[in-house]
Amino acid sequence: MVQLSGKGEVFSYTIVTDPPAGFEEQAPYVLAIVKLDEGPMLTAQLTDLDGAPAIGMRVEMVTRKLRAEGADPIIYGYKFRPLLPIE
């Protein structure tokens, strides 16, 4: 088993303006391919952006709400945000 740091960089991204069913209220949103520091690549939404994303931008994994549907519980999952500076 390999433990991943949850940190990496934006390898590629797109801005979703015509989302699939169930994600309409989130549009527009940024969907990225993130290359983790340990090597694996995965697809995730970028969040907490102050401006436009950039290829090579350092990011870190965070837990965020993915959706809530009626009386069903809120569904949480991972997203990535710009890496916060260490103070």
PDB file of N, CA and C in Angstrom:
ATOM      1  N   MET A   1       0.842  -1.169   0.000  1.00  0.00           N
ATOM      2  CA  MET A   1       0.000   0.000   0.000  1.00  0.00           C
ATOM      3  C   MET A   1       0.894   1.241   0.000  1.00  0.00           C
ATOM      4  N   VAL A   2       0.517   2.223  -0.811  1.00  0.00           N
ATOM      5  CA  VAL A   2       1.258   3.480  -0.900  1.00  0.00           C
ATOM      6  C   VAL A   2       0.388   4.600  -0.342  1.00  0.00           C
ATOM      7  N   GLN A   3       0.925   5.380   0.556  1.00  0.00           N
ATOM      8  CA  GLN A   3       0.198   6.521   1.093  1.00  0.00           C
ATOM      9  C   GLN A   3       0.500   7.733   0.223  1.00  0.00           C
ATOM     10  N   LEU A   4      -0.548   8.423  -0.197  1.00  0.00           N
ATOM     11  CA  LEU A   4      -0.401   9.593  -1.059  1.00  0.00           C
ATOM     12  C   LEU A   4      -0.538  10.864  -0.239  1.00  0.00           C
ATOM     13  N   SER A   5       0.232  11.882  -0.593  1.00  0.00           N
ATOM     14  CA  SER A   5       0.244  13.144   0.159  1.00  0.00           C
ATOM     15  C   SER A   5      -0.993  13.999  -0.103  1.00  0.00           C
ATOM     16  N   GLY A   6      -1.652  13.807  -1.251  1.00  0.00           N
ATOM     17  CA  GLY A   6      -2.783  14.651  -1.620  1.00  0.00           C
ATOM     18  C   GLY A   6      -2.351  15.963  -2.243  1.00  0.00           C
ATOM     19  N   LYS A   7      -1.056  16.101  -2.529  1.00  0.00           N
ATOM     20  CA  LYS A   7      -0.547  17.325  -3.158  1.00  0.00           C
ATOM     21  C   LYS A   7      -0.029  16.990  -4.553  1.00  0.00           C
ATOM     22  N   GLY A   8      -0.164  17.961  -5.445  1.00  0.00           N
ATOM     23  CA  GLY A   8       0.304  17.748  -6.802  1.00  0.00           C
ATOM     24  C   GLY A   8       0.201  19.019  -7.607  1.00  0.00           C
ATOM     25  N   GLU A   9       0.054  18.861  -8.933  1.00  0.00           N
ATOM     26  CA  GLU A   9      -0.054  20.028  -9.801  1.00  0.00           C
ATOM     27  C   GLU A   9      -1.061  19.776 -10.902  1.00  0.00           C
ATOM     28  N   VAL A  10      -1.624  20.868 -11.405  1.00  0.00           N
ATOM     29  CA  VAL A  10      -2.595  20.780 -12.488  1.00  0.00           C
ATOM     30  C   VAL A  10      -1.851  20.391 -13.766  1.00  0.00           C
ATOM     31  N   PHE A  11      -2.246  19.259 -14.335  1.00  0.00           N
ATOM     32  CA  PHE A  11      -1.644  18.761 -15.568  1.00  0.00           C
ATOM     33  C   PHE A  11      -2.404  19.302 -16.783  1.00  0.00           C
ATOM     34  N   SER A  12      -3.731  19.369 -16.645  1.00  0.00           N
ATOM     35  CA  SER A  12      -4.603  19.881 -17.702  1.00  0.00           C
ATOM     36  C   SER A  12      -5.928  20.269 -17.053  1.00  0.00           C
ATOM     37  N   TYR A  13      -6.699  21.124 -17.707  1.00  0.00           N
ATOM     38  CA  TYR A  13      -8.001  21.489 -17.154  1.00  0.00           C
ATOM     39  C   TYR A  13      -8.941  21.962 -18.248  1.00  0.00           C
ATOM     40  N   THR A  14     -10.223  21.987 -17.914  1.00  0.00           N
ATOM     41  CA  THR A  14     -11.246  22.541 -18.783  1.00  0.00           C
ATOM     42  C   THR A  14     -12.282  23.226 -17.905  1.00  0.00           C
ATOM     43  N   ILE A  15     -13.001  24.163 -18.468  1.00  0.00           N
ATOM     44  CA  ILE A  15     -14.091  24.821 -17.753  1.00  0.00           C
ATOM     45  C   ILE A  15     -15.390  24.241 -18.292  1.00  0.00           C
ATOM     46  N   VAL A  16     -16.148  23.608 -17.410  1.00  0.00           N
ATOM     47  CA  VAL A  16     -17.396  22.951 -17.792  1.00  0.00           C
ATOM     48  C   VAL A  16     -18.524  23.973 -17.738  1.00  0.00           C
ATOM     49  N   THR A  17     -19.109  24.249 -18.900  1.00  0.00           N
ATOM     50  CA  THR A  17     -20.222  25.192 -18.976  1.00  0.00           C
ATOM     51  C   THR A  17     -21.538  24.486 -19.291  1.00  0.00           C
ATOM     52  N   ASP A  18     -21.467  23.262 -19.818  1.00  0.00           N
ATOM     53  CA  ASP A  18     -22.656  22.462 -20.134  1.00  0.00           C
ATOM     54  C   ASP A  18     -22.534  21.142 -19.377  1.00  0.00           C
ATOM     55  N   PRO A  19     -22.862  21.145 -18.082  1.00  0.00           N
ATOM     56  CA  PRO A  19     -22.602  19.990 -17.223  1.00  0.00           C
ATOM     57  C   PRO A  19     -23.586  18.840 -17.439  1.00  0.00           C
ATOM     58  N   PRO A  20     -23.213  17.651 -16.984  1.00  0.00           N
ATOM     59  CA  PRO A  20     -24.135  16.516 -17.041  1.00  0.00           C
ATOM     60  C   PRO A  20     -25.258  16.696 -16.019  1.00  0.00           C
ATOM     61  N   ALA A  21     -26.302  15.909 -16.164  1.00  0.00           N
ATOM     62  CA  ALA A  21     -27.456  15.972 -15.262  1.00  0.00           C
ATOM     63  C   ALA A  21     -27.004  15.811 -13.816  1.00  0.00           C
ATOM     64  N   GLY A  22     -27.541  16.647 -12.959  1.00  0.00           N
ATOM     65  CA  GLY A  22     -27.217  16.591 -11.550  1.00  0.00           C
ATOM     66  C   GLY A  22     -26.156  17.589 -11.123  1.00  0.00           C
ATOM     67  N   PHE A  23     -25.490  18.207 -12.095  1.00  0.00           N
ATOM     68  CA  PHE A  23     -24.426  19.160 -11.772  1.00  0.00           C
ATOM     69  C   PHE A  23     -24.712  20.553 -12.351  1.00  0.00           C
ATOM     70  N   GLU A  24     -25.929  20.754 -12.819  1.00  0.00           N
ATOM     71  CA  GLU A  24     -26.275  22.025 -13.471  1.00  0.00           C
ATOM     72  C   GLU A  24     -26.060  23.235 -12.566  1.00  0.00           C
ATOM     73  N   GLU A  25     -26.385  23.108 -11.281  1.00  0.00           N
ATOM     74  CA  GLU A  25     -26.285  24.271 -10.392  1.00  0.00           C
ATOM     75  C   GLU A  25     -24.844  24.648 -10.076  1.00  0.00           C
ATOM     76  N   GLN A  26     -23.886  23.777 -10.377  1.00  0.00           N
ATOM     77  CA  GLN A  26     -22.481  24.073 -10.108  1.00  0.00           C
ATOM     78  C   GLN A  26     -21.789  24.780 -11.269  1.00  0.00           C
ATOM     79  N   ALA A  27     -22.395  24.747 -12.451  1.00  0.00           N
ATOM     80  CA  ALA A  27     -21.758  25.304 -13.644  1.00  0.00           C
ATOM     81  C   ALA A  27     -21.705  26.828 -13.569  1.00  0.00           C
ATOM     82  N   PRO A  28     -20.681  27.440 -14.124  1.00  0.00           N
ATOM     83  CA  PRO A  28     -19.486  26.794 -14.679  1.00  0.00           C
ATOM     84  C   PRO A  28     -18.526  26.377 -13.558  1.00  0.00           C
ATOM     85  N   TYR A  29     -17.803  25.284 -13.790  1.00  0.00           N
ATOM     86  CA  TYR A  29     -16.807  24.823 -12.833  1.00  0.00           C
ATOM     87  C   TYR A  29     -15.588  24.297 -13.569  1.00  0.00           C
ATOM     88  N   VAL A  30     -14.483  24.214 -12.849  1.00  0.00           N
ATOM     89  CA  VAL A  30     -13.216  23.785 -13.451  1.00  0.00           C
ATOM     90  C   VAL A  30     -12.980  22.324 -13.111  1.00  0.00           C
ATOM     91  N   LEU A  31     -12.766  21.527 -14.138  1.00  0.00           N
ATOM     92  CA  LEU A  31     -12.450  20.116 -14.000  1.00  0.00           C
ATOM     93  C   LEU A  31     -11.014  19.935 -14.464  1.00  0.00           C
ATOM     94  N   ALA A  32     -10.191  19.290 -13.637  1.00  0.00           N
ATOM     95  CA  ALA A  32      -8.764  19.193 -13.945  1.00  0.00           C
ATOM     96  C   ALA A  32      -8.253  17.763 -13.868  1.00  0.00           C
ATOM     97  N   ILE A  33      -7.169  17.519 -14.561  1.00  0.00           N
ATOM     98  CA  ILE A  33      -6.367  16.320 -14.355  1.00  0.00           C
ATOM     99  C   ILE A  33      -5.224  16.776 -13.468  1.00  0.00           C
ATOM    100  N   VAL A  34      -5.127  16.155 -12.290  1.00  0.00           N
ATOM    101  CA  VAL A  34      -4.104  16.517 -11.313  1.00  0.00           C
ATOM    102  C   VAL A  34      -3.080  15.393 -11.259  1.00  0.00           C
ATOM    103  N   LYS A  35      -1.804  15.759 -11.408  1.00  0.00           N
ATOM    104  CA  LYS A  35      -0.722  14.791 -11.262  1.00  0.00           C
ATOM    105  C   LYS A  35      -0.202  14.909  -9.835  1.00  0.00           C
ATOM    106  N   LEU A  36      -0.434  13.859  -9.038  1.00  0.00           N
ATOM    107  CA  LEU A  36       0.030  13.863  -7.661  1.00  0.00           C
ATOM    108  C   LEU A  36       1.549  13.784  -7.607  1.00  0.00           C
ATOM    109  N   ASP A  37       2.136  14.276  -6.520  1.00  0.00           N
ATOM    110  CA  ASP A  37       3.588  14.271  -6.359  1.00  0.00           C
ATOM    111  C   ASP A  37       4.161  12.856  -6.470  1.00  0.00           C
ATOM    112  N   GLU A  38       3.380  11.862  -6.074  1.00  0.00           N
ATOM    113  CA  GLU A  38       3.843  10.470  -6.113  1.00  0.00           C
ATOM    114  C   GLU A  38       3.694   9.826  -7.486  1.00  0.00           C
ATOM    115  N   GLY A  39       3.087  10.531  -8.462  1.00  0.00           N
ATOM    116  CA  GLY A  39       3.007  10.035  -9.819  1.00  0.00           C
ATOM    117  C   GLY A  39       1.629   9.789 -10.391  1.00  0.00           C
ATOM    118  N   PRO A  40       0.661   9.229  -9.629  1.00  0.00           N
ATOM    119  CA  PRO A  40      -0.659   8.974 -10.209  1.00  0.00           C
ATOM    120  C   PRO A  40      -1.346  10.252 -10.666  1.00  0.00           C
ATOM    121  N   MET A  41      -2.205  10.110 -11.668  1.00  0.00           N
ATOM    122  CA  MET A  41      -2.997  11.228 -12.165  1.00  0.00           C
ATOM    123  C   MET A  41      -4.463  10.908 -11.938  1.00  0.00           C
ATOM    124  N   LEU A  42      -5.239  11.930 -11.569  1.00  0.00           N
ATOM    125  CA  LEU A  42      -6.664  11.711 -11.394  1.00  0.00           C
ATOM    126  C   LEU A  42      -7.430  12.953 -11.804  1.00  0.00           C
ATOM    127  N   THR A  43      -8.715  12.756 -12.035  1.00  0.00           N
ATOM    128  CA  THR A  43      -9.590  13.842 -12.453  1.00  0.00           C
ATOM    129  C   THR A  43     -10.368  14.346 -11.245  1.00  0.00           C
ATOM    130  N   ALA A  44     -10.429  15.655 -11.093  1.00  0.00           N
ATOM    131  CA  ALA A  44     -11.154  16.236  -9.964  1.00  0.00           C
ATOM    132  C   ALA A  44     -11.540  17.669 -10.283  1.00  0.00           C
ATOM    133  N   GLN A  45     -12.527  18.145  -9.552  1.00  0.00           N
ATOM    134  CA  GLN A  45     -12.936  19.544  -9.669  1.00  0.00           C
ATOM    135  C   GLN A  45     -11.974  20.413  -8.877  1.00  0.00           C
ATOM    136  N   LEU A  46     -11.653  21.601  -9.421  1.00  0.00           N
ATOM    137  CA  LEU A  46     -10.856  22.588  -8.690  1.00  0.00           C
ATOM    138  C   LEU A  46     -11.818  23.520  -7.973  1.00  0.00           C
ATOM    139  N   THR A  47     -11.462  23.897  -6.750  1.00  0.00           N
ATOM    140  CA  THR A  47     -12.314  24.750  -5.937  1.00  0.00           C
ATOM    141  C   THR A  47     -11.470  25.842  -5.284  1.00  0.00           C
ATOM    142  N   ASP A  48     -12.129  26.805  -4.707  1.00  0.00           N
ATOM    143  CA  ASP A  48     -11.469  27.891  -3.966  1.00  0.00           C
ATOM    144  C   ASP A  48     -10.496  28.687  -4.833  1.00  0.00           C
ATOM    145  N   LEU A  49     -10.834  28.863  -6.104  1.00  0.00           N
ATOM    146  CA  LEU A  49      -9.965  29.617  -7.019  1.00  0.00           C
ATOM    147  C   LEU A  49     -10.253  31.110  -6.913  1.00  0.00           C
ATOM    148  N   ASP A  50      -9.196  31.924  -6.848  1.00  0.00           N
ATOM    149  CA  ASP A  50      -9.342  33.380  -6.850  1.00  0.00           C
ATOM    150  C   ASP A  50      -9.264  33.940  -8.262  1.00  0.00           C
ATOM    151  N   GLY A  51      -8.707  33.161  -9.169  1.00  0.00           N
ATOM    152  CA  GLY A  51      -8.562  33.581 -10.562  1.00  0.00           C
ATOM    153  C   GLY A  51      -8.577  32.355 -11.453  1.00  0.00           C
ATOM    154  N   ALA A  52      -8.035  32.516 -12.626  1.00  0.00           N
ATOM    155  CA  ALA A  52      -7.996  31.404 -13.579  1.00  0.00           C
ATOM    156  C   ALA A  52      -6.980  30.352 -13.131  1.00  0.00           C
ATOM    157  N   PRO A  53      -7.279  29.078 -13.361  1.00  0.00           N
ATOM    158  CA  PRO A  53      -6.293  28.035 -13.070  1.00  0.00           C
ATOM    159  C   PRO A  53      -5.158  28.106 -14.073  1.00  0.00           C
ATOM    160  N   ALA A  54      -4.073  27.408 -13.797  1.00  0.00           N
ATOM    161  CA  ALA A  54      -2.931  27.387 -14.707  1.00  0.00           C
ATOM    162  C   ALA A  54      -2.303  26.002 -14.696  1.00  0.00           C
ATOM    163  N   ILE A  55      -1.801  25.585 -15.848  1.00  0.00           N
ATOM    164  CA  ILE A  55      -1.050  24.336 -15.926  1.00  0.00           C
ATOM    165  C   ILE A  55       0.170  24.484 -15.016  1.00  0.00           C
ATOM    166  N   GLY A  56       0.418  23.463 -14.195  1.00  0.00           N
ATOM    167  CA  GLY A  56       1.550  23.504 -13.283  1.00  0.00           C
ATOM    168  C   GLY A  56       1.235  24.106 -11.923  1.00  0.00           C
ATOM    169  N   MET A  57       0.029  24.661 -11.759  1.00  0.00           N
ATOM    170  CA  MET A  57      -0.357  25.244 -10.479  1.00  0.00           C
ATOM    171  C   MET A  57      -0.347  24.156  -9.402  1.00  0.00           C
ATOM    172  N   ARG A  58       0.274  24.460  -8.260  1.00  0.00           N
ATOM    173  CA  ARG A  58       0.324  23.519  -7.141  1.00  0.00           C
ATOM    174  C   ARG A  58      -1.032  23.479  -6.443  1.00  0.00           C
ATOM    175  N   VAL A  59      -1.516  22.272  -6.149  1.00  0.00           N
ATOM    176  CA  VAL A  59      -2.821  22.083  -5.528  1.00  0.00           C
ATOM    177  C   VAL A  59      -2.739  21.028  -4.428  1.00  0.00           C
ATOM    178  N   GLU A  60      -3.768  21.025  -3.569  1.00  0.00           N
ATOM    179  CA  GLU A  60      -3.861  20.023  -2.517  1.00  0.00           C
ATOM    180  C   GLU A  60      -5.295  19.521  -2.440  1.00  0.00           C
ATOM    181  N   MET A  61      -5.434  18.256  -2.052  1.00  0.00           N
ATOM    182  CA  MET A  61      -6.742  17.631  -1.958  1.00  0.00           C
ATOM    183  C   MET A  61      -7.472  18.120  -0.714  1.00  0.00           C
ATOM    184  N   VAL A  62      -8.790  18.372  -0.869  1.00  0.00           N
ATOM    185  CA  VAL A  62      -9.645  18.755   0.243  1.00  0.00           C
ATOM    186  C   VAL A  62     -10.968  17.989   0.122  1.00  0.00           C
ATOM    187  N   THR A  63     -11.668  17.847   1.222  1.00  0.00           N
ATOM    188  CA  THR A  63     -12.997  17.225   1.216  1.00  0.00           C
ATOM    189  C   THR A  63     -14.027  18.330   1.080  1.00  0.00           C
ATOM    190  N   ARG A  64     -14.927  18.165   0.123  1.00  0.00           N
ATOM    191  CA  ARG A  64     -15.963  19.166  -0.130  1.00  0.00           C
ATOM    192  C   ARG A  64     -17.284  18.472  -0.446  1.00  0.00           C
ATOM    193  N   LYS A  65     -18.358  19.232  -0.310  1.00  0.00           N
ATOM    194  CA  LYS A  65     -19.682  18.724  -0.670  1.00  0.00           C
ATOM    195  C   LYS A  65     -19.729  18.534  -2.185  1.00  0.00           C
ATOM    196  N   LEU A  66     -20.179  17.362  -2.624  1.00  0.00           N
ATOM    197  CA  LEU A  66     -20.344  17.112  -4.049  1.00  0.00           C
ATOM    198  C   LEU A  66     -21.766  17.435  -4.486  1.00  0.00           C
ATOM    199  N   ARG A  67     -22.740  16.992  -3.668  1.00  0.00           N
ATOM    200  CA  ARG A  67     -24.132  17.300  -3.992  1.00  0.00           C
ATOM    201  C   ARG A  67     -25.026  16.937  -2.811  1.00  0.00           C
ATOM    202  N   ALA A  68     -26.221  17.482  -2.832  1.00  0.00           N
ATOM    203  CA  ALA A  68     -27.265  17.161  -1.860  1.00  0.00           C
ATOM    204  C   ALA A  68     -28.563  17.044  -2.644  1.00  0.00           C
ATOM    205  N   GLU A  69     -29.293  15.976  -2.411  1.00  0.00           N
ATOM    206  CA  GLU A  69     -30.522  15.738  -3.168  1.00  0.00           C
ATOM    207  C   GLU A  69     -31.692  15.510  -2.227  1.00  0.00           C
ATOM    208  N   GLY A  70     -32.555  16.484  -2.115  1.00  0.00           N
ATOM    209  CA  GLY A  70     -33.764  16.343  -1.309  1.00  0.00           C
ATOM    210  C   GLY A  70     -33.476  15.925   0.115  1.00  0.00           C
ATOM    211  N   ALA A  71     -34.156  14.854   0.554  1.00  0.00           N
ATOM    212  CA  ALA A  71     -34.000  14.357   1.921  1.00  0.00           C
ATOM    213  C   ALA A  71     -32.797  13.438   2.072  1.00  0.00           C
ATOM    214  N   ASP A  72     -32.129  13.125   0.954  1.00  0.00           N
ATOM    215  CA  ASP A  72     -30.952  12.252   1.007  1.00  0.00           C
ATOM    216  C   ASP A  72     -29.815  12.969   1.720  1.00  0.00           C
ATOM    217  N   PRO A  73     -28.908  12.207   2.300  1.00  0.00           N
ATOM    218  CA  PRO A  73     -27.761  12.848   2.957  1.00  0.00           C
ATOM    219  C   PRO A  73     -26.874  13.576   1.945  1.00  0.00           C
ATOM    220  N   ILE A  74     -26.104  14.524   2.452  1.00  0.00           N
ATOM    221  CA  ILE A  74     -25.153  15.245   1.609  1.00  0.00           C
ATOM    222  C   ILE A  74     -24.032  14.285   1.226  1.00  0.00           C
ATOM    223  N   ILE A  75     -23.634  14.320  -0.041  1.00  0.00           N
ATOM    224  CA  ILE A  75     -22.561  13.465  -0.546  1.00  0.00           C
ATOM    225  C   ILE A  75     -21.271  14.279  -0.561  1.00  0.00           C
ATOM    226  N   TYR A  76     -20.248  13.787   0.123  1.00  0.00           N
ATOM    227  CA  TYR A  76     -18.946  14.449   0.158  1.00  0.00           C
ATOM    228  C   TYR A  76     -17.937  13.664  -0.661  1.00  0.00           C
ATOM    229  N   GLY A  77     -16.930  14.347  -1.154  1.00  0.00           N
ATOM    230  CA  GLY A  77     -15.870  13.706  -1.919  1.00  0.00           C
ATOM    231  C   GLY A  77     -14.663  14.626  -1.975  1.00  0.00           C
ATOM    232  N   TYR A  78     -13.709  14.259  -2.815  1.00  0.00           N
ATOM    233  CA  TYR A  78     -12.496  15.068  -2.890  1.00  0.00           C
ATOM    234  C   TYR A  78     -12.553  16.056  -4.046  1.00  0.00           C
ATOM    235  N   LYS A  79     -11.936  17.187  -3.820  1.00  0.00           N
ATOM    236  CA  LYS A  79     -11.685  18.213  -4.826  1.00  0.00           C
ATOM    237  C   LYS A  79     -10.274  18.711  -4.544  1.00  0.00           C
ATOM    238  N   PHE A  80      -9.775  19.596  -5.382  1.00  0.00           N
ATOM    239  CA  PHE A  80      -8.452  20.178  -5.152  1.00  0.00           C
ATOM    240  C   PHE A  80      -8.567  21.687  -5.123  1.00  0.00           C
ATOM    241  N   ARG A  81      -7.764  22.312  -4.246  1.00  0.00           N
ATOM    242  CA  ARG A  81      -7.704  23.768  -4.160  1.00  0.00           C
ATOM    243  C   ARG A  81      -6.238  24.178  -4.321  1.00  0.00           C
ATOM    244  N   PRO A  82      -6.001  25.453  -4.642  1.00  0.00           N
ATOM    245  CA  PRO A  82      -4.612  25.920  -4.697  1.00  0.00           C
ATOM    246  C   PRO A  82      -3.915  25.627  -3.376  1.00  0.00           C
ATOM    247  N   LEU A  83      -2.663  25.222  -3.455  1.00  0.00           N
ATOM    248  CA  LEU A  83      -1.880  24.892  -2.270  1.00  0.00           C
ATOM    249  C   LEU A  83      -1.705  26.136  -1.415  1.00  0.00           C
ATOM    250  N   LEU A  84      -2.080  26.020  -0.152  1.00  0.00           N
ATOM    251  CA  LEU A  84      -1.956  27.164   0.756  1.00  0.00           C
ATOM    252  C   LEU A  84      -0.516  27.302   1.211  1.00  0.00           C
ATOM    253  N   PRO A  85      -0.050  28.536   1.326  1.00  0.00           N
ATOM    254  CA  PRO A  85       1.327  28.728   1.793  1.00  0.00           C
ATOM    255  C   PRO A  85       1.474  28.300   3.254  1.00  0.00           C
ATOM    256  N   ILE A  86       2.608  27.781   3.604  1.00  0.00           N
ATOM    257  CA  ILE A  86       2.887  27.398   4.983  1.00  0.00           C
ATOM    258  C   ILE A  86       3.298  28.646   5.748  1.00  0.00           C
ATOM    259  N   GLU A  87       2.609  28.892   6.856  1.00  0.00           N
ATOM    260  CA  GLU A  87       2.898  30.105   7.641  1.00  0.00           C
ATOM    261  C   GLU A  87       3.782  29.797   8.809  1.00  0.00           C
TER     262      GLU A  87
END
